[in-house]
Structure formats: structure tokens, C-alpha cells
């Protein structure tokens, strides 16, 4: 059994030569995390990239292992909220949103009200928090705009909030003001019959 396990680790590691940059002990643990993620249908490339990022930055093996394990858990949480059909970019954006302070319930709500892909909406949420907007305010704003706003509308909303913050507006107030203006524009100019994000036209398990 031990020999079989060692052979399996060697085989998987050989399949991706990039992992040779890791020391043997770290590589074996990272491969085990990759195998577990692959077994439950999670994307493994983000985990590989996180391990390689740690190597590039000179992180210790223990820190690399902790980082890839945390990412695997977060990817699982994101997939649980978004559904099994969520794409790898959506899951990565969802992880960023979770780490910014969004809850799995917020992600699930976004899934229910917006047609996929959700990548831009999730990224905007995370970016707003990074700009200083409280996580609950950022989530509320994105959820309010999500049913009808186009991806381009969400990106412009984020840029407008960031401009106001740069000019000295409190992040929460900037978000509220821009949300009111953005909601009037989005809901006043787009109808549910011709908007691609109409939730009645989407489904996801």
C-alpha cells in the first residue's frame, strides 16, 4: 500500500513538471491536495499557481502547504454556493469575494438573480471592498444592480465609486450615491424582456 501511494504521488507530480520547483516534502503534500480537489471536481490550476507563487516569493514549505489547503477549502465553499456548473474563473472570483468578506449566502443570492457568467459581478464586489467599501455595502450594491446591469455597467459603477473615493468621499457614501444613480439608469433603460441578465432566463444547479 505504501509503495502504491508513493508511485501515485510520483506519477501525478511527473504529469506537471512545474511542481518540481517544490521541495520533495512540500510537493508530496501539494499533490495530495490536488488529488483531493480533482476528486471532487474542483479546478486544480489555481491551486498549482498558488503553490508556484509561494515558491517564487521564497515562502517556506509550511506556508505554501497552508496556502494551497486554504485555497482548496475556499474553492469548495465557492462551488457549494455557486453550484456544480460554475466555471473555474467564476470560482476564483468567488474566492476573492469570500476573502473580501462576502458570505456564501451572498454568492448564492447572486447566482439566483444573475445570468452566468458571474465572474465580473464577483470581481466588482471584491474590488469595491479593496477600495474601502464595507463588505455588506458592496454586496448589497452588487446584488441590487445584478439582475439587470450588464457587466460593463458593473465595471463602470465600480470605477465611479473609486473616483468618488479618490476625491475624498467616504467609501460607503460613495457607493450609496452611485448605487441610486446607477439603479435609476439601469432599471430605467433596460427591460426584462431584452436584458441578458434577466434571472427568469437562467438556471444553474
Protein backbone atom coordinates (compact mmCIF):
# COMPACT_ATOMS: atom_id res chain seq x y z
CA UNK A 1 0.00 0.00 0.00
CA UNK A 2 2.80 2.42 0.88
CA UNK A 3 4.60 1.63 -2.37
CA UNK A 4 1.40 2.15 -4.36
CA UNK A 5 0.83 5.52 -2.71
CA UNK A 6 4.39 6.61 -3.45
CA UNK A 7 4.04 5.55 -7.07
CA UNK A 8 0.80 7.53 -7.38
CA UNK A 9 2.41 10.67 -5.96
CA UNK A 10 5.36 10.29 -8.31
CA UNK A 11 3.07 9.77 -11.30
CA UNK A 12 0.94 12.87 -10.60
CA UNK A 13 3.96 15.03 -9.88
CA UNK A 14 5.58 13.90 -13.13
CA UNK A 15 2.46 14.86 -15.06
CA UNK A 16 3.07 18.52 -14.17
CA UNK A 17 6.79 19.31 -14.23
CA UNK A 18 6.15 22.73 -12.71
CA UNK A 19 5.76 21.03 -9.34
CA UNK A 20 9.42 20.03 -9.48
CA UNK A 21 10.17 23.54 -8.23
CA UNK A 22 8.83 22.49 -4.83
CA UNK A 23 10.92 20.59 -2.32
CA UNK A 24 10.00 16.88 -2.11
CA UNK A 25 8.01 17.05 1.14
CA UNK A 26 6.06 20.13 0.07
CA UNK A 27 5.46 18.67 -3.39
CA UNK A 28 4.04 15.45 -1.94
CA UNK A 29 1.58 17.38 0.22
CA UNK A 30 0.57 19.73 -2.60
CA UNK A 31 -0.01 16.75 -4.89
CA UNK A 32 -2.27 15.22 -2.25
CA UNK A 33 -4.28 18.46 -2.09
CA UNK A 34 -4.51 18.49 -5.89
CA UNK A 35 -5.72 14.90 -5.95
CA UNK A 36 -8.40 15.64 -3.36
CA UNK A 37 -9.55 18.72 -5.27
CA UNK A 38 -9.63 16.82 -8.55
CA UNK A 39 -11.64 14.01 -6.97
CA UNK A 40 -14.46 16.40 -6.04
CA UNK A 41 -14.40 18.26 -9.35
CA UNK A 42 -12.60 21.43 -8.28
CA UNK A 43 -10.23 23.21 -10.68
CA UNK A 44 -6.62 22.41 -9.83
CA UNK A 45 -4.80 25.05 -11.87
CA UNK A 46 -5.46 27.84 -9.32
CA UNK A 47 -4.00 25.59 -6.61
CA UNK A 48 -0.91 24.86 -8.70
CA UNK A 49 -0.47 28.56 -9.38
CA UNK A 50 -0.74 29.36 -5.67
CA UNK A 51 1.97 26.83 -4.87
CA UNK A 52 4.24 28.21 -7.59
CA UNK A 53 3.60 31.75 -6.40
CA UNK A 54 4.79 30.75 -2.96
CA UNK A 55 7.94 29.26 -4.41
CA UNK A 56 8.65 32.40 -6.44
CA UNK A 57 8.25 34.53 -3.32
CA UNK A 58 10.55 32.28 -1.31
CA UNK A 59 7.83 31.12 1.09
CA UNK A 60 8.54 28.16 3.32
CA UNK A 61 7.07 24.76 2.54
CA UNK A 62 4.74 25.06 5.52
CA UNK A 63 3.33 28.37 4.28
CA UNK A 64 2.86 27.02 0.76
CA UNK A 65 1.00 23.99 2.08
CA UNK A 66 -1.21 26.18 4.29
CA UNK A 67 -1.99 28.47 1.34
CA UNK A 68 -2.96 25.68 -1.06
CA UNK A 69 -5.07 23.94 1.56
CA UNK A 70 -6.90 27.16 2.34
CA UNK A 71 -7.48 27.81 -1.35
CA UNK A 72 -8.86 24.31 -1.88
CA UNK A 73 -11.29 24.83 1.01
CA UNK A 74 -12.35 28.23 -0.34
CA UNK A 75 -12.87 26.83 -3.83
CA UNK A 76 -15.10 24.16 -2.31
CA UNK A 77 -17.09 26.79 -0.43
CA UNK A 78 -17.44 28.85 -3.60
CA UNK A 79 -18.60 25.85 -5.61
CA UNK A 80 -21.12 24.99 -2.90
CA UNK A 81 -22.59 28.49 -3.19
CA UNK A 82 -22.50 28.85 -6.99
CA UNK A 83 -23.37 25.30 -8.00
CA UNK A 84 -21.56 22.48 -9.74
CA UNK A 85 -21.72 24.14 -13.16
CA UNK A 86 -19.71 27.19 -12.04
CA UNK A 87 -16.64 27.75 -14.20
CA UNK A 88 -13.08 27.98 -12.91
CA UNK A 89 -12.94 31.79 -13.44
CA UNK A 90 -16.23 32.16 -11.56
CA UNK A 91 -14.90 30.07 -8.68
CA UNK A 92 -11.68 32.07 -8.50
CA UNK A 93 -13.63 35.34 -8.49
CA UNK A 94 -15.93 33.90 -5.83
CA UNK A 95 -12.94 33.04 -3.65
CA UNK A 96 -11.76 36.65 -3.91
CA UNK A 97 -15.24 37.84 -2.93
CA UNK A 98 -15.35 35.45 0.03
CA UNK A 99 -11.96 36.61 1.23
CA UNK A 100 -13.12 40.20 0.89
CA UNK A 101 -15.93 39.46 3.34
CA UNK A 102 -18.86 38.27 1.24
CA UNK A 103 -20.74 35.33 2.69
CA UNK A 104 -21.66 32.11 0.87
CA UNK A 105 -25.27 33.28 1.15
CA UNK A 106 -24.43 36.43 -0.82
CA UNK A 107 -22.81 34.31 -3.53
CA UNK A 108 -25.83 32.01 -3.68
CA UNK A 109 -28.16 35.01 -3.92
CA UNK A 110 -26.10 36.45 -6.77
CA UNK A 111 -26.33 33.10 -8.55
CA UNK A 112 -30.11 33.22 -8.23
CA UNK A 113 -30.60 36.75 -9.56
CA UNK A 114 -27.99 36.98 -12.32
CA UNK A 115 -27.43 35.05 -15.50
CA UNK A 116 -23.95 33.47 -15.72
CA UNK A 117 -21.13 34.09 -16.05
CA UNK A 118 -20.84 35.77 -12.66
CA UNK A 119 -17.12 36.49 -12.90
CA UNK A 120 -17.37 40.26 -13.40
CA UNK A 121 -20.04 40.77 -10.74
CA UNK A 122 -17.98 38.84 -8.19
CA UNK A 123 -14.81 40.70 -9.15
CA UNK A 124 -16.54 44.07 -8.80
CA UNK A 125 -17.72 43.08 -5.32
CA UNK A 126 -14.18 42.16 -4.26
CA UNK A 127 -12.71 45.31 -5.85
CA UNK A 128 -15.18 47.56 -4.04
CA UNK A 129 -14.16 46.09 -0.70
CA UNK A 130 -10.50 46.51 -1.63
CA UNK A 131 -11.28 50.20 -2.24
CA UNK A 132 -12.56 50.56 1.32
CA UNK A 133 -16.27 49.91 0.86
CA UNK A 134 -17.68 47.83 3.75
CA UNK A 135 -18.29 44.25 2.63
CA UNK A 136 -22.01 44.34 3.39
CA UNK A 137 -22.46 47.61 1.47
CA UNK A 138 -20.50 46.28 -1.51
CA UNK A 139 -22.55 43.07 -1.53
CA UNK A 140 -25.84 44.96 -1.26
CA UNK A 141 -24.89 47.24 -4.15
CA UNK A 142 -23.85 44.42 -6.47
CA UNK A 143 -26.95 42.40 -5.61
CA UNK A 144 -29.17 45.42 -6.27
CA UNK A 145 -27.68 46.00 -9.72
CA UNK A 146 -27.06 42.37 -10.67
CA UNK A 147 -30.49 41.39 -12.06
CA UNK A 148 -30.38 43.84 -14.98
CA UNK A 149 -26.98 45.54 -15.15
CA UNK A 150 -24.59 44.46 -17.88
CA UNK A 151 -21.02 43.54 -17.00
CA UNK A 152 -19.93 46.88 -18.46
CA UNK A 153 -22.42 48.68 -16.20
CA UNK A 154 -20.98 46.98 -13.13
CA UNK A 155 -17.43 47.86 -14.12
CA UNK A 156 -18.39 51.49 -14.69
CA UNK A 157 -20.19 51.53 -11.33
CA UNK A 158 -17.01 50.33 -9.63
CA UNK A 159 -14.93 52.94 -11.43
CA UNK A 160 -17.34 55.71 -10.46
CA UNK A 161 -17.23 54.69 -6.80
CA UNK A 162 -13.43 54.54 -6.89
CA UNK A 163 -13.27 58.01 -8.46
CA UNK A 164 -15.52 59.44 -5.76
CA UNK A 165 -13.42 57.81 -3.04
CA UNK A 166 -10.25 59.23 -4.60
CA UNK A 167 -11.86 62.68 -4.45
CA UNK A 168 -12.48 62.28 -0.73
CA UNK A 169 -15.95 60.75 -0.45
CA UNK A 170 -16.42 58.14 2.31
CA UNK A 171 -16.49 54.70 0.64
CA UNK A 172 -19.92 53.76 1.99
CA UNK A 173 -21.47 57.08 0.99
CA UNK A 174 -19.89 56.95 -2.46
CA UNK A 175 -21.35 53.50 -3.00
CA UNK A 176 -24.82 54.56 -1.87
CA UNK A 177 -24.90 57.67 -4.09
CA UNK A 178 -23.62 55.82 -7.15
CA UNK A 179 -25.99 52.92 -6.49
CA UNK A 180 -29.00 55.21 -6.51
CA UNK A 181 -27.87 56.84 -9.75
CA UNK A 182 -26.89 53.53 -11.32
CA UNK A 183 -30.13 51.81 -10.37
CA UNK A 184 -32.18 54.58 -11.92
CA UNK A 185 -30.20 54.31 -15.14
CA UNK A 186 -30.14 50.51 -15.35
CA UNK A 187 -33.74 49.91 -14.36
CA UNK A 188 -35.00 52.86 -16.31
CA UNK A 189 -33.37 51.97 -19.63
CA UNK A 190 -33.33 48.16 -19.71
CA UNK A 191 -36.40 45.96 -19.73
CA UNK A 192 -36.52 42.38 -18.52
CA UNK A 193 -37.58 41.26 -21.98
CA UNK A 194 -34.33 42.25 -23.68
CA UNK A 195 -31.74 42.14 -20.91
CA UNK A 196 -29.45 39.08 -20.96
CA UNK A 197 -29.25 39.05 -17.17
CA UNK A 198 -32.97 38.53 -16.63
CA UNK A 199 -32.95 35.81 -13.93
CA UNK A 200 -36.03 34.16 -15.41
CA UNK A 201 -33.91 33.08 -18.37
CA UNK A 202 -31.21 31.33 -16.36
CA UNK A 203 -30.83 28.21 -14.33
CA UNK A 204 -27.96 26.60 -12.51
CA UNK A 205 -27.96 23.51 -10.30
